[in-house]
Amino acid sequence: MDKEEIGVQISKRRQVLGIDQKTAAELSGVSVHTFSDVESGKGNPSVKVLRKMLDALGLEIRIQLKQTSRETEEG
């Protein structure tokens, strides 16, 4: 998932909750500017900031690691 897709998911969840960006930013402890940039796919937040935003919206980060064919050949 790239940063644009993350922004779309955050925006959708915020809208489902019926809150504006200002309220979401306040709940997550980040600036409205940061929240807006992430939603629009312009921002590149740290994992810490992203986690604050997702926690405020009831979302979570899931990371899936996948071994590439090159790693398989070397192993």
C-alpha atoms as a PDB file:
ATOM      1  CA  MET A   1       0.000   0.000   0.000  1.00  0.00           C
ATOM      2  CA  ASP A   2       1.468   3.348  -0.985  1.00  0.00           C
ATOM      3  CA  LYS A   3       1.001   6.703   0.722  1.00  0.00           C
ATOM      4  CA  GLU A   4      -1.865   7.719  -1.577  1.00  0.00           C
ATOM      5  CA  GLU A   5      -3.809   4.567  -0.693  1.00  0.00           C
ATOM      6  CA  ILE A   6      -3.129   5.122   3.000  1.00  0.00           C
ATOM      7  CA  GLY A   7      -4.483   8.648   2.666  1.00  0.00           C
ATOM      8  CA  VAL A   8      -7.642   7.403   0.973  1.00  0.00           C
ATOM      9  CA  GLN A   9      -8.258   4.840   3.728  1.00  0.00           C
ATOM     10  CA  ILE A  10      -7.736   7.445   6.450  1.00  0.00           C
ATOM     11  CA  SER A  11     -10.089   9.869   4.708  1.00  0.00           C
ATOM     12  CA  LYS A  12     -12.776   7.219   4.257  1.00  0.00           C
ATOM     13  CA  ARG A  13     -12.597   6.178   7.902  1.00  0.00           C
ATOM     14  CA  ARG A  14     -12.745   9.774   9.107  1.00  0.00           C
ATOM     15  CA  GLN A  15     -15.837  10.372   6.964  1.00  0.00           C
ATOM     16  CA  VAL A  16     -17.488   7.192   8.262  1.00  0.00           C
ATOM     17  CA  LEU A  17     -16.924   8.500  11.775  1.00  0.00           C
ATOM     18  CA  GLY A  18     -18.482  11.820  10.754  1.00  0.00           C
ATOM     19  CA  ILE A  19     -15.599  14.002  11.889  1.00  0.00           C
ATOM     20  CA  ASP A  20     -13.723  16.730  10.079  1.00  0.00           C
ATOM     21  CA  GLN A  21      -9.955  16.939   9.638  1.00  0.00           C
ATOM     22  CA  LYS A  22      -9.590  19.438  12.474  1.00  0.00           C
ATOM     23  CA  THR A  23     -11.293  17.125  14.950  1.00  0.00           C
ATOM     24  CA  ALA A  24      -9.356  14.099  13.705  1.00  0.00           C
ATOM     25  CA  ALA A  25      -6.103  16.026  14.019  1.00  0.00           C
ATOM     26  CA  GLU A  26      -6.956  17.095  17.568  1.00  0.00           C
ATOM     27  CA  LEU A  27      -7.860  13.525  18.544  1.00  0.00           C
ATOM     28  CA  SER A  28      -4.595  12.212  17.144  1.00  0.00           C
ATOM     29  CA  GLY A  29      -2.358  14.987  18.461  1.00  0.00           C
ATOM     30  CA  VAL A  30      -1.032  16.045  15.055  1.00  0.00           C
ATOM     31  CA  SER A  31      -1.490  19.312  13.193  1.00  0.00           C
ATOM     32  CA  VAL A  32      -4.347  19.816  10.766  1.00  0.00           C
ATOM     33  CA  HIS A  33      -1.723  20.488   8.086  1.00  0.00           C
ATOM     34  CA  THR A  34      -0.091  17.111   8.724  1.00  0.00           C
ATOM     35  CA  PHE A  35      -3.441  15.346   8.724  1.00  0.00           C
ATOM     36  CA  SER A  36      -4.439  17.018   5.472  1.00  0.00           C
ATOM     37  CA  ASP A  37      -1.115  16.192   3.796  1.00  0.00           C
ATOM     38  CA  VAL A  38      -1.366  12.522   4.753  1.00  0.00           C
ATOM     39  CA  GLU A  39      -4.963  12.244   3.551  1.00  0.00           C
ATOM     40  CA  SER A  40      -4.078  13.839   0.219  1.00  0.00           C
ATOM     41  CA  GLY A  41      -1.081  11.552  -0.269  1.00  0.00           C
ATOM     42  CA  LYS A  42       1.374  14.452  -0.081  1.00  0.00           C
ATOM     43  CA  GLY A  43       2.664  13.729   3.391  1.00  0.00           C
ATOM     44  CA  ASN A  44       5.203  11.118   4.353  1.00  0.00           C
ATOM     45  CA  PRO A  45       4.609  10.715   8.087  1.00  0.00           C
ATOM     46  CA  SER A  46       6.806   8.776  10.441  1.00  0.00           C
ATOM     47  CA  VAL A  47       5.430   5.499  11.740  1.00  0.00           C
ATOM     48  CA  LYS A  48       4.880   7.223  15.092  1.00  0.00           C
ATOM     49  CA  VAL A  49       2.731   9.984  13.566  1.00  0.00           C
ATOM     50  CA  LEU A  50       0.846   7.553  11.347  1.00  0.00           C
ATOM     51  CA  ARG A  51       0.116   5.355  14.348  1.00  0.00           C
ATOM     52  CA  LYS A  52      -1.297   8.326  16.286  1.00  0.00           C
ATOM     53  CA  MET A  53      -3.586   9.125  13.384  1.00  0.00           C
ATOM     54  CA  LEU A  54      -4.738   5.546  12.940  1.00  0.00           C
ATOM     55  CA  ASP A  55      -5.277   5.017  16.671  1.00  0.00           C
ATOM     56  CA  ALA A  56      -7.522   8.094  16.797  1.00  0.00           C
ATOM     57  CA  LEU A  57      -9.616   6.651  13.965  1.00  0.00           C
ATOM     58  CA  GLY A  58      -9.756   3.087  15.263  1.00  0.00           C
ATOM     59  CA  LEU A  59      -7.477   1.748  12.532  1.00  0.00           C
ATOM     60  CA  GLU A  60      -4.280  -0.267  12.806  1.00  0.00           C
ATOM     61  CA  ILE A  61      -1.097  -0.842  10.860  1.00  0.00           C
ATOM     62  CA  ARG A  62      -0.515  -4.317   9.503  1.00  0.00           C
ATOM     63  CA  ILE A  63       2.757  -5.100   7.816  1.00  0.00           C
ATOM     64  CA  GLN A  64       3.183  -8.146   5.664  1.00  0.00           C
ATOM     65  CA  LEU A  65       6.700  -9.164   4.783  1.00  0.00           C
ATOM     66  CA  LYS A  66       7.159 -11.220   1.677  1.00  0.00           C
ATOM     67  CA  GLN A  67      10.318 -12.965   0.642  1.00  0.00           C
ATOM     68  CA  THR A  68      11.438 -12.110  -2.877  1.00  0.00           C
ATOM     69  CA  SER A  69      12.634 -14.694  -5.360  1.00  0.00           C
ATOM     70  CA  ARG A  70      16.176 -13.328  -5.062  1.00  0.00           C
ATOM     71  CA  GLU A  71      16.188 -13.924  -1.318  1.00  0.00           C
ATOM     72  CA  THR A  72      14.854 -17.440  -1.864  1.00  0.00           C
ATOM     73  CA  GLU A  73      17.683 -18.251  -4.294  1.00  0.00           C
ATOM     74  CA  GLU A  74      20.330 -16.944  -1.887  1.00  0.00           C
ATOM     75  CA  GLY A  75      18.901 -18.720   1.166  1.00  0.00           C
END
